[in-house]
Amino acid sequence: MAVLETGEKIRIAVIGPESTGKTELALWLARYLNGEYYPEIARDYVAGLNRHYTISDLDSITKMQTEQYRSMENSAKKIHVFDTEIIITKIWYEWVYGQLPIDFKSIMDYMRFDFYLLCATDIPWIPDSVRENGGEAREKLFSVYESELRFFGFRYGIVSGFDDKRRKCALTLLKNLM
């Protein structure tokens, strides 16, 4: 993995199936690396609905994720840590609705990340009002995430372990970017 040029923004995406510690890890990394944190959009959006989400909601989430990424361009911070990104929405379209009505290739070409931290499913799944894919589905989704990263040729590493071990794993994977 090549080291980025001095002054260049470092864009990190923390992704993975539900309940794999993405938010906690992304928040910690942003603080530890003195970077900017970008919260997960889809979770808050769906939690705010008074109904089940629809495919048009995924369209809205996609637009919001693109705007969130665009907002990074105005930030003076060097390090940018995203708690999920557009891959989650692409997978969601396919997993839930069996279709992909948006040209994700062009969106993903625009929304480039320097490294993806793919969170392993070794943290127990905790159900809540938004989560819908525990058990075997979570394991299958992990494989889907990894397949997407490979398909697009994105640089990534798998983060595993609990608490400090998980954080150290992430830092080890990111060391060549800094």
N, C-alpha and C. Protein backbone atom coordinates (compact mmCIF):
# COMPACT_ATOMS: atom_id res chain seq x y z
N MET A 1 0.84 -1.17 0.00
CA MET A 1 0.00 0.00 0.00
C MET A 1 0.89 1.23 0.00
N ALA A 2 0.65 2.13 -0.92
CA ALA A 2 1.47 3.33 -1.04
C ALA A 2 1.08 4.37 0.00
N VAL A 3 2.07 5.12 0.43
CA VAL A 3 1.82 6.23 1.35
C VAL A 3 1.29 7.40 0.53
N LEU A 4 0.32 8.10 1.06
CA LEU A 4 -0.26 9.24 0.35
C LEU A 4 0.68 10.43 0.41
N GLU A 5 0.54 11.32 -0.57
CA GLU A 5 1.34 12.54 -0.61
C GLU A 5 1.01 13.42 0.59
N THR A 6 1.99 14.18 1.06
CA THR A 6 1.78 15.10 2.17
C THR A 6 0.72 16.11 1.78
N GLY A 7 -0.21 16.37 2.68
CA GLY A 7 -1.27 17.33 2.42
C GLY A 7 -2.49 16.74 1.76
N GLU A 8 -2.37 15.55 1.21
CA GLU A 8 -3.50 14.90 0.56
C GLU A 8 -4.47 14.39 1.62
N LYS A 9 -5.78 14.51 1.34
CA LYS A 9 -6.78 14.01 2.27
C LYS A 9 -6.74 12.49 2.31
N ILE A 10 -6.92 11.96 3.49
CA ILE A 10 -7.01 10.51 3.68
C ILE A 10 -8.46 10.19 3.98
N ARG A 11 -9.07 9.37 3.13
CA ARG A 11 -10.48 9.02 3.25
C ARG A 11 -10.60 7.55 3.64
N ILE A 12 -11.18 7.32 4.81
CA ILE A 12 -11.32 5.97 5.35
C ILE A 12 -12.82 5.67 5.50
N ALA A 13 -13.23 4.51 5.02
CA ALA A 13 -14.61 4.07 5.18
C ALA A 13 -14.64 2.84 6.08
N VAL A 14 -15.50 2.89 7.09
CA VAL A 14 -15.70 1.76 7.99
C VAL A 14 -17.03 1.13 7.58
N ILE A 15 -16.97 -0.10 7.09
CA ILE A 15 -18.18 -0.76 6.58
C ILE A 15 -18.32 -2.15 7.17
N GLY A 16 -19.46 -2.76 6.90
CA GLY A 16 -19.71 -4.12 7.34
C GLY A 16 -21.18 -4.32 7.66
N PRO A 17 -21.54 -5.56 7.94
CA PRO A 17 -22.93 -5.87 8.29
C PRO A 17 -23.36 -5.17 9.57
N GLU A 18 -24.63 -5.31 9.88
CA GLU A 18 -25.20 -4.72 11.08
C GLU A 18 -24.50 -5.22 12.34
N SER A 19 -24.42 -4.31 13.30
CA SER A 19 -23.96 -4.66 14.65
C SER A 19 -22.56 -5.26 14.65
N THR A 20 -21.65 -4.62 13.90
CA THR A 20 -20.26 -5.09 13.88
C THR A 20 -19.30 -4.03 14.43
N GLY A 21 -19.83 -3.04 15.10
CA GLY A 21 -18.99 -2.05 15.76
C GLY A 21 -18.49 -0.92 14.87
N LYS A 22 -19.16 -0.69 13.75
CA LYS A 22 -18.71 0.33 12.80
C LYS A 22 -18.70 1.74 13.41
N THR A 23 -19.80 2.10 14.03
CA THR A 23 -19.91 3.46 14.57
C THR A 23 -18.89 3.70 15.66
N GLU A 24 -18.79 2.77 16.59
CA GLU A 24 -17.82 2.93 17.67
C GLU A 24 -16.40 3.05 17.13
N LEU A 25 -16.05 2.21 16.16
CA LEU A 25 -14.71 2.25 15.58
C LEU A 25 -14.47 3.54 14.81
N ALA A 26 -15.44 3.96 14.00
CA ALA A 26 -15.28 5.18 13.21
C ALA A 26 -15.12 6.41 14.11
N LEU A 27 -15.95 6.50 15.15
CA LEU A 27 -15.83 7.62 16.10
C LEU A 27 -14.46 7.62 16.77
N TRP A 28 -14.03 6.45 17.23
CA TRP A 28 -12.74 6.35 17.91
C TRP A 28 -11.60 6.74 16.97
N LEU A 29 -11.63 6.23 15.74
CA LEU A 29 -10.57 6.56 14.78
C LEU A 29 -10.51 8.05 14.50
N ALA A 30 -11.66 8.66 14.29
CA ALA A 30 -11.68 10.10 14.01
C ALA A 30 -11.07 10.88 15.17
N ARG A 31 -11.41 10.51 16.39
CA ARG A 31 -10.84 11.20 17.56
C ARG A 31 -9.34 10.91 17.67
N TYR A 32 -8.97 9.65 17.59
CA TYR A 32 -7.58 9.25 17.78
C TYR A 32 -6.66 9.86 16.72
N LEU A 33 -7.15 9.94 15.49
CA LEU A 33 -6.34 10.45 14.37
C LEU A 33 -6.56 11.94 14.12
N ASN A 34 -7.31 12.59 15.01
CA ASN A 34 -7.64 14.01 14.85
C ASN A 34 -8.26 14.28 13.48
N GLY A 35 -9.17 13.40 13.12
CA GLY A 35 -9.82 13.53 11.83
C GLY A 35 -11.26 13.97 11.97
N GLU A 36 -11.92 14.04 10.86
CA GLU A 36 -13.34 14.41 10.85
C GLU A 36 -14.17 13.14 10.71
N TYR A 37 -15.22 13.06 11.51
CA TYR A 37 -16.13 11.92 11.51
C TYR A 37 -17.38 12.25 10.70
N TYR A 38 -17.81 11.29 9.88
CA TYR A 38 -19.03 11.42 9.08
C TYR A 38 -19.97 10.29 9.50
N PRO A 39 -21.10 10.63 10.13
CA PRO A 39 -21.99 9.60 10.68
C PRO A 39 -22.72 8.81 9.60
N GLU A 40 -23.19 7.65 10.00
CA GLU A 40 -23.99 6.81 9.11
C GLU A 40 -25.31 7.52 8.83
N ILE A 41 -25.63 7.68 7.58
CA ILE A 41 -26.85 8.38 7.18
C ILE A 41 -28.05 7.44 7.17
N ALA A 42 -27.88 6.25 6.63
CA ALA A 42 -29.01 5.33 6.43
C ALA A 42 -29.70 4.98 7.74
N ARG A 43 -28.94 4.68 8.76
CA ARG A 43 -29.52 4.25 10.03
C ARG A 43 -30.42 5.35 10.61
N ASP A 44 -29.91 6.57 10.69
CA ASP A 44 -30.70 7.67 11.23
C ASP A 44 -31.92 7.96 10.37
N TYR A 45 -31.75 7.89 9.07
CA TYR A 45 -32.86 8.14 8.15
C TYR A 45 -33.99 7.13 8.38
N VAL A 46 -33.64 5.85 8.39
CA VAL A 46 -34.64 4.80 8.56
C VAL A 46 -35.26 4.86 9.96
N ALA A 47 -34.45 5.14 10.96
CA ALA A 47 -34.97 5.23 12.33
C ALA A 47 -36.00 6.36 12.46
N GLY A 48 -35.87 7.38 11.63
CA GLY A 48 -36.79 8.51 11.69
C GLY A 48 -38.09 8.32 10.92
N LEU A 49 -38.19 7.24 10.19
CA LEU A 49 -39.42 6.98 9.45
C LEU A 49 -40.50 6.42 10.38
N ASN A 50 -41.73 6.73 10.10
CA ASN A 50 -42.85 6.14 10.86
C ASN A 50 -43.50 5.03 10.06
N ARG A 51 -42.72 4.41 9.22
CA ARG A 51 -43.18 3.34 8.34
C ARG A 51 -41.96 2.54 7.92
N HIS A 52 -42.19 1.44 7.19
CA HIS A 52 -41.08 0.67 6.65
C HIS A 52 -40.48 1.44 5.48
N TYR A 53 -39.18 1.36 5.33
CA TYR A 53 -38.53 2.08 4.23
C TYR A 53 -38.92 1.47 2.88
N THR A 54 -38.79 2.28 1.84
CA THR A 54 -39.10 1.87 0.47
C THR A 54 -37.89 2.10 -0.41
N ILE A 55 -37.98 1.67 -1.64
CA ILE A 55 -36.87 1.87 -2.57
C ILE A 55 -36.62 3.36 -2.83
N SER A 56 -37.67 4.17 -2.77
CA SER A 56 -37.45 5.62 -2.94
C SER A 56 -36.68 6.21 -1.75
N ASP A 57 -36.81 5.60 -0.59
CA ASP A 57 -36.00 6.03 0.56
C ASP A 57 -34.52 5.74 0.29
N LEU A 58 -34.25 4.61 -0.36
CA LEU A 58 -32.85 4.31 -0.70
C LEU A 58 -32.31 5.34 -1.69
N ASP A 59 -33.16 5.80 -2.61
CA ASP A 59 -32.75 6.86 -3.53
C ASP A 59 -32.37 8.12 -2.74
N SER A 60 -33.18 8.47 -1.76
CA SER A 60 -32.90 9.65 -0.92
C SER A 60 -31.61 9.47 -0.13
N ILE A 61 -31.42 8.29 0.42
CA ILE A 61 -30.21 8.01 1.19
C ILE A 61 -28.98 8.13 0.29
N THR A 62 -29.07 7.64 -0.93
CA THR A 62 -27.96 7.73 -1.88
C THR A 62 -27.59 9.19 -2.12
N LYS A 63 -28.57 10.03 -2.32
CA LYS A 63 -28.31 11.47 -2.55
C LYS A 63 -27.67 12.10 -1.32
N MET A 64 -28.17 11.74 -0.15
CA MET A 64 -27.62 12.30 1.09
C MET A 64 -26.18 11.84 1.30
N GLN A 65 -25.88 10.58 0.98
CA GLN A 65 -24.51 10.09 1.12
C GLN A 65 -23.57 10.81 0.16
N THR A 66 -24.04 11.08 -1.05
CA THR A 66 -23.22 11.79 -2.02
C THR A 66 -22.94 13.21 -1.54
N GLU A 67 -23.96 13.87 -0.99
CA GLU A 67 -23.77 15.22 -0.45
C GLU A 67 -22.82 15.21 0.74
N GLN A 68 -22.94 14.19 1.58
CA GLN A 68 -22.04 14.08 2.73
C GLN A 68 -20.60 13.98 2.26
N TYR A 69 -20.36 13.15 1.27
CA TYR A 69 -19.01 13.00 0.73
C TYR A 69 -18.53 14.33 0.15
N ARG A 70 -19.39 15.00 -0.59
CA ARG A 70 -19.03 16.29 -1.20
C ARG A 70 -18.65 17.30 -0.12
N SER A 71 -19.30 17.24 1.04
CA SER A 71 -18.99 18.19 2.11
C SER A 71 -17.56 18.04 2.61
N MET A 72 -16.98 16.88 2.43
CA MET A 72 -15.60 16.64 2.85
C MET A 72 -14.64 17.55 2.11
N GLU A 73 -14.96 17.88 0.88
CA GLU A 73 -14.07 18.70 0.06
C GLU A 73 -13.81 20.07 0.68
N ASN A 74 -14.73 20.55 1.51
CA ASN A 74 -14.58 21.86 2.15
C ASN A 74 -13.93 21.79 3.52
N SER A 75 -13.60 20.61 3.97
CA SER A 75 -13.01 20.44 5.29
C SER A 75 -11.51 20.68 5.26
N ALA A 76 -11.02 21.34 6.30
CA ALA A 76 -9.59 21.58 6.41
C ALA A 76 -8.86 20.37 7.01
N LYS A 77 -9.59 19.45 7.56
CA LYS A 77 -8.97 18.27 8.17
C LYS A 77 -8.31 17.41 7.10
N LYS A 78 -7.27 16.70 7.50
CA LYS A 78 -6.57 15.81 6.56
C LYS A 78 -7.21 14.42 6.54
N ILE A 79 -7.67 13.95 7.69
CA ILE A 79 -8.20 12.59 7.81
C ILE A 79 -9.72 12.64 7.93
N HIS A 80 -10.38 11.80 7.13
CA HIS A 80 -11.84 11.76 7.09
C HIS A 80 -12.29 10.32 7.27
N VAL A 81 -13.09 10.09 8.31
CA VAL A 81 -13.53 8.74 8.65
C VAL A 81 -15.05 8.67 8.48
N PHE A 82 -15.49 7.83 7.56
CA PHE A 82 -16.91 7.67 7.27
C PHE A 82 -17.44 6.39 7.92
N ASP A 83 -18.50 6.56 8.68
CA ASP A 83 -19.21 5.43 9.27
C ASP A 83 -20.19 4.93 8.21
N THR A 84 -19.74 4.00 7.44
CA THR A 84 -20.37 3.45 6.24
C THR A 84 -20.28 4.43 5.09
N GLU A 85 -20.66 3.98 3.91
CA GLU A 85 -20.64 4.82 2.72
C GLU A 85 -21.53 4.19 1.68
N ILE A 86 -21.36 4.51 0.43
CA ILE A 86 -22.31 4.17 -0.63
C ILE A 86 -22.41 2.65 -0.90
N ILE A 87 -21.38 1.88 -0.59
CA ILE A 87 -21.46 0.43 -0.82
C ILE A 87 -22.63 -0.17 -0.04
N ILE A 88 -22.87 0.34 1.18
CA ILE A 88 -23.96 -0.22 1.98
C ILE A 88 -25.30 -0.04 1.26
N THR A 89 -25.47 1.10 0.60
CA THR A 89 -26.73 1.36 -0.08
C THR A 89 -26.85 0.50 -1.33
N LYS A 90 -25.77 0.33 -2.06
CA LYS A 90 -25.76 -0.54 -3.24
C LYS A 90 -26.17 -1.96 -2.84
N ILE A 91 -25.57 -2.45 -1.78
CA ILE A 91 -25.88 -3.81 -1.31
C ILE A 91 -27.33 -3.88 -0.84
N TRP A 92 -27.79 -2.84 -0.18
CA TRP A 92 -29.15 -2.79 0.32
C TRP A 92 -30.15 -2.88 -0.84
N TYR A 93 -29.95 -2.12 -1.91
CA TYR A 93 -30.82 -2.21 -3.08
C TYR A 93 -30.91 -3.67 -3.57
N GLU A 94 -29.76 -4.30 -3.68
CA GLU A 94 -29.72 -5.66 -4.23
C GLU A 94 -30.27 -6.69 -3.23
N TRP A 95 -29.92 -6.56 -1.97
CA TRP A 95 -30.30 -7.53 -0.94
C TRP A 95 -31.80 -7.49 -0.67
N VAL A 96 -32.34 -6.28 -0.52
CA VAL A 96 -33.74 -6.13 -0.14
C VAL A 96 -34.68 -6.14 -1.35
N TYR A 97 -34.27 -5.46 -2.42
CA TYR A 97 -35.17 -5.28 -3.56
C TYR A 97 -34.77 -6.04 -4.81
N GLY A 98 -33.60 -6.67 -4.81
CA GLY A 98 -33.17 -7.46 -5.95
C GLY A 98 -32.96 -6.65 -7.21
N GLN A 99 -32.66 -5.38 -7.06
CA GLN A 99 -32.42 -4.54 -8.24
C GLN A 99 -31.45 -3.42 -7.90
N LEU A 100 -30.96 -2.80 -8.94
CA LEU A 100 -30.02 -1.70 -8.79
C LEU A 100 -30.42 -0.60 -9.77
N PRO A 101 -31.37 0.26 -9.38
CA PRO A 101 -31.92 1.25 -10.31
C PRO A 101 -31.02 2.45 -10.56
N ILE A 102 -29.94 2.58 -9.82
CA ILE A 102 -29.04 3.73 -9.94
C ILE A 102 -27.69 3.25 -10.46
N ASP A 103 -27.02 4.08 -11.23
CA ASP A 103 -25.69 3.76 -11.75
C ASP A 103 -24.65 3.95 -10.64
N PHE A 104 -24.44 2.90 -9.88
CA PHE A 104 -23.51 3.00 -8.76
C PHE A 104 -22.06 3.05 -9.20
N LYS A 105 -21.76 2.57 -10.36
CA LYS A 105 -20.37 2.61 -10.84
C LYS A 105 -19.89 4.05 -10.89
N SER A 106 -20.67 4.95 -11.47
CA SER A 106 -20.24 6.35 -11.57
C SER A 106 -20.20 7.01 -10.20
N ILE A 107 -21.15 6.68 -9.32
CA ILE A 107 -21.15 7.25 -7.97
C ILE A 107 -19.91 6.78 -7.22
N MET A 108 -19.59 5.50 -7.33
CA MET A 108 -18.44 4.95 -6.62
C MET A 108 -17.12 5.44 -7.21
N ASP A 109 -17.11 5.75 -8.49
CA ASP A 109 -15.91 6.35 -9.08
C ASP A 109 -15.66 7.74 -8.49
N TYR A 110 -16.75 8.47 -8.22
CA TYR A 110 -16.63 9.80 -7.61
C TYR A 110 -16.28 9.69 -6.12
N MET A 111 -16.97 8.82 -5.41
CA MET A 111 -16.79 8.69 -3.97
C MET A 111 -15.66 7.71 -3.65
N ARG A 112 -14.46 8.14 -3.90
CA ARG A 112 -13.28 7.29 -3.71
C ARG A 112 -12.81 7.33 -2.25
N PHE A 113 -12.40 6.19 -1.77
CA PHE A 113 -11.82 6.08 -0.44
C PHE A 113 -10.44 5.47 -0.57
N ASP A 114 -9.54 5.88 0.31
CA ASP A 114 -8.18 5.37 0.27
C ASP A 114 -8.08 4.00 0.90
N PHE A 115 -8.97 3.73 1.85
CA PHE A 115 -8.94 2.42 2.50
C PHE A 115 -10.29 2.14 3.14
N TYR A 116 -10.68 0.87 3.08
CA TYR A 116 -11.91 0.39 3.70
C TYR A 116 -11.55 -0.53 4.85
N LEU A 117 -12.15 -0.28 5.99
CA LEU A 117 -12.06 -1.19 7.12
C LEU A 117 -13.36 -1.98 7.15
N LEU A 118 -13.27 -3.26 6.85
CA LEU A 118 -14.43 -4.15 6.82
C LEU A 118 -14.52 -4.84 8.18
N CYS A 119 -15.57 -4.53 8.93
CA CYS A 119 -15.72 -5.07 10.29
C CYS A 119 -16.24 -6.50 10.26
N ALA A 120 -15.50 -7.37 10.91
CA ALA A 120 -15.88 -8.78 11.01
C ALA A 120 -17.09 -8.94 11.92
N THR A 121 -17.73 -10.08 11.81
CA THR A 121 -18.95 -10.36 12.58
C THR A 121 -18.65 -11.05 13.91
N ASP A 122 -17.47 -10.84 14.45
CA ASP A 122 -17.12 -11.49 15.71
C ASP A 122 -17.68 -10.77 16.93
N ILE A 123 -18.33 -9.64 16.74
CA ILE A 123 -19.03 -8.95 17.82
C ILE A 123 -20.48 -9.46 17.80
N PRO A 124 -21.04 -9.78 18.95
CA PRO A 124 -22.42 -10.30 18.96
C PRO A 124 -23.42 -9.33 18.35
N TRP A 125 -24.38 -9.87 17.62
CA TRP A 125 -25.45 -9.07 17.02
C TRP A 125 -26.42 -8.67 18.11
N ILE A 126 -26.75 -7.38 18.16
CA ILE A 126 -27.70 -6.87 19.15
C ILE A 126 -28.89 -6.31 18.38
N PRO A 127 -30.06 -6.91 18.52
CA PRO A 127 -31.22 -6.41 17.78
C PRO A 127 -31.67 -5.04 18.27
N ASP A 128 -32.22 -4.25 17.36
CA ASP A 128 -32.87 -3.00 17.71
C ASP A 128 -33.95 -2.72 16.66
N SER A 129 -34.57 -1.57 16.71
CA SER A 129 -35.71 -1.29 15.84
C SER A 129 -35.33 -1.13 14.36
N VAL A 130 -34.06 -0.96 14.06
CA VAL A 130 -33.63 -0.74 12.68
C VAL A 130 -32.95 -1.97 12.09
N ARG A 131 -32.30 -2.75 12.90
CA ARG A 131 -31.55 -3.91 12.42
C ARG A 131 -32.49 -5.04 12.00
N GLU A 132 -32.14 -5.69 10.87
CA GLU A 132 -33.00 -6.76 10.36
C GLU A 132 -32.23 -7.98 9.88
N ASN A 133 -30.91 -8.00 9.99
CA ASN A 133 -30.12 -9.09 9.42
C ASN A 133 -29.11 -9.67 10.40
N GLY A 134 -29.61 -10.38 11.39
CA GLY A 134 -28.74 -11.08 12.31
C GLY A 134 -28.48 -12.49 11.82
N GLY A 135 -27.78 -13.26 12.63
CA GLY A 135 -27.56 -14.68 12.34
C GLY A 135 -26.87 -14.94 11.02
N GLU A 136 -27.39 -15.93 10.30
CA GLU A 136 -26.79 -16.36 9.03
C GLU A 136 -26.78 -15.25 7.98
N ALA A 137 -27.79 -14.40 7.99
CA ALA A 137 -27.86 -13.29 7.02
C ALA A 137 -26.67 -12.35 7.22
N ARG A 138 -26.28 -12.13 8.46
CA ARG A 138 -25.15 -11.24 8.74
C ARG A 138 -23.86 -11.82 8.17
N GLU A 139 -23.69 -13.12 8.30
CA GLU A 139 -22.50 -13.77 7.75
C GLU A 139 -22.50 -13.69 6.22
N LYS A 140 -23.66 -13.90 5.61
CA LYS A 140 -23.75 -13.79 4.15
C LYS A 140 -23.46 -12.36 3.70
N LEU A 141 -23.97 -11.40 4.43
CA LEU A 141 -23.72 -10.00 4.08
C LEU A 141 -22.25 -9.65 4.19
N PHE A 142 -21.56 -10.20 5.18
CA PHE A 142 -20.12 -9.96 5.27
C PHE A 142 -19.43 -10.41 3.99
N SER A 143 -19.80 -11.57 3.49
CA SER A 143 -19.22 -12.08 2.24
C SER A 143 -19.57 -11.18 1.06
N VAL A 144 -20.78 -10.65 1.05
CA VAL A 144 -21.19 -9.73 -0.02
C VAL A 144 -20.34 -8.46 0.03
N TYR A 145 -20.14 -7.91 1.22
CA TYR A 145 -19.30 -6.72 1.35
C TYR A 145 -17.89 -7.00 0.82
N GLU A 146 -17.33 -8.11 1.23
CA GLU A 146 -15.97 -8.41 0.79
C GLU A 146 -15.91 -8.63 -0.72
N SER A 147 -16.91 -9.27 -1.28
CA SER A 147 -16.97 -9.47 -2.73
C SER A 147 -17.05 -8.14 -3.47
N GLU A 148 -17.83 -7.20 -2.96
CA GLU A 148 -17.93 -5.87 -3.58
C GLU A 148 -16.58 -5.16 -3.56
N LEU A 149 -15.90 -5.20 -2.42
CA LEU A 149 -14.59 -4.55 -2.31
C LEU A 149 -13.61 -5.14 -3.31
N ARG A 150 -13.62 -6.45 -3.43
CA ARG A 150 -12.73 -7.12 -4.39
C ARG A 150 -13.11 -6.78 -5.83
N PHE A 151 -14.41 -6.82 -6.13
CA PHE A 151 -14.90 -6.54 -7.47
C PHE A 151 -14.44 -5.16 -7.95
N PHE A 152 -14.55 -4.15 -7.08
CA PHE A 152 -14.17 -2.80 -7.45
C PHE A 152 -12.67 -2.54 -7.30
N GLY A 153 -11.95 -3.50 -6.75
CA GLY A 153 -10.50 -3.35 -6.60
C GLY A 153 -10.11 -2.38 -5.51
N PHE A 154 -10.97 -2.21 -4.51
CA PHE A 154 -10.69 -1.28 -3.42
C PHE A 154 -9.73 -1.91 -2.42
N ARG A 155 -8.88 -1.06 -1.84
CA ARG A 155 -7.96 -1.53 -0.80
C ARG A 155 -8.73 -1.63 0.51
N TYR A 156 -8.58 -2.76 1.16
CA TYR A 156 -9.32 -2.98 2.40
C TYR A 156 -8.59 -3.95 3.30
N GLY A 157 -9.00 -3.96 4.56
CA GLY A 157 -8.55 -4.94 5.53
C GLY A 157 -9.71 -5.28 6.43
N ILE A 158 -9.65 -6.46 7.00
CA ILE A 158 -10.71 -6.93 7.89
C ILE A 158 -10.33 -6.63 9.33
N VAL A 159 -11.24 -5.96 10.02
CA VAL A 159 -11.03 -5.59 11.42
C VAL A 159 -11.75 -6.61 12.29
N SER A 160 -11.03 -7.17 13.25
CA SER A 160 -11.64 -8.15 14.15
C SER A 160 -11.12 -7.94 15.56
N GLY A 161 -11.71 -8.65 16.50
CA GLY A 161 -11.31 -8.55 17.89
C GLY A 161 -12.27 -7.64 18.65
N PHE A 162 -12.04 -7.55 19.94
CA PHE A 162 -12.90 -6.76 20.81
C PHE A 162 -12.12 -5.58 21.38
N ASP A 163 -12.80 -4.47 21.53
CA ASP A 163 -12.30 -3.28 22.21
C ASP A 163 -10.91 -2.87 21.71
N ASP A 164 -9.89 -2.86 22.62
CA ASP A 164 -8.56 -2.41 22.23
C ASP A 164 -7.95 -3.24 21.11
N LYS A 165 -8.22 -4.53 21.11
CA LYS A 165 -7.68 -5.39 20.05
C LYS A 165 -8.25 -4.98 18.69
N ARG A 166 -9.52 -4.64 18.65
CA ARG A 166 -10.16 -4.21 17.40
C ARG A 166 -9.57 -2.88 16.94
N ARG A 167 -9.39 -1.95 17.86
CA ARG A 167 -8.81 -0.65 17.51
C ARG A 167 -7.38 -0.79 17.03
N LYS A 168 -6.61 -1.62 17.70
CA LYS A 168 -5.22 -1.84 17.28
C LYS A 168 -5.16 -2.51 15.91
N CYS A 169 -6.07 -3.42 15.66
CA CYS A 169 -6.16 -4.06 14.35
C CYS A 169 -6.39 -3.01 13.26
N ALA A 170 -7.33 -2.10 13.51
CA ALA A 170 -7.63 -1.04 12.53
C ALA A 170 -6.42 -0.16 12.31
N LEU A 171 -5.74 0.24 13.37
CA LEU A 171 -4.56 1.10 13.23
C LEU A 171 -3.44 0.39 12.46
N THR A 172 -3.27 -0.88 12.71
CA THR A 172 -2.26 -1.65 11.98
C THR A 172 -2.58 -1.67 10.48
N LEU A 173 -3.84 -1.87 10.15
CA LEU A 173 -4.25 -1.88 8.75
C LEU A 173 -4.06 -0.52 8.08
N LEU A 174 -4.19 0.55 8.85
CA LEU A 174 -4.09 1.91 8.30
C LEU A 174 -2.68 2.49 8.32
N LYS A 175 -1.75 1.81 8.95
CA LYS A 175 -0.43 2.41 9.19
C LYS A 175 0.29 2.91 7.93
N ASN A 176 0.09 2.25 6.81
CA ASN A 176 0.79 2.68 5.60
C ASN A 176 0.15 3.89 4.91
N LEU A 177 -1.02 4.30 5.38
CA LEU A 177 -1.68 5.48 4.82
C LEU A 177 -1.17 6.76 5.46
N MET A 178 -0.69 6.66 6.68
CA MET A 178 -0.34 7.85 7.45
C MET A 178 1.06 8.34 7.13
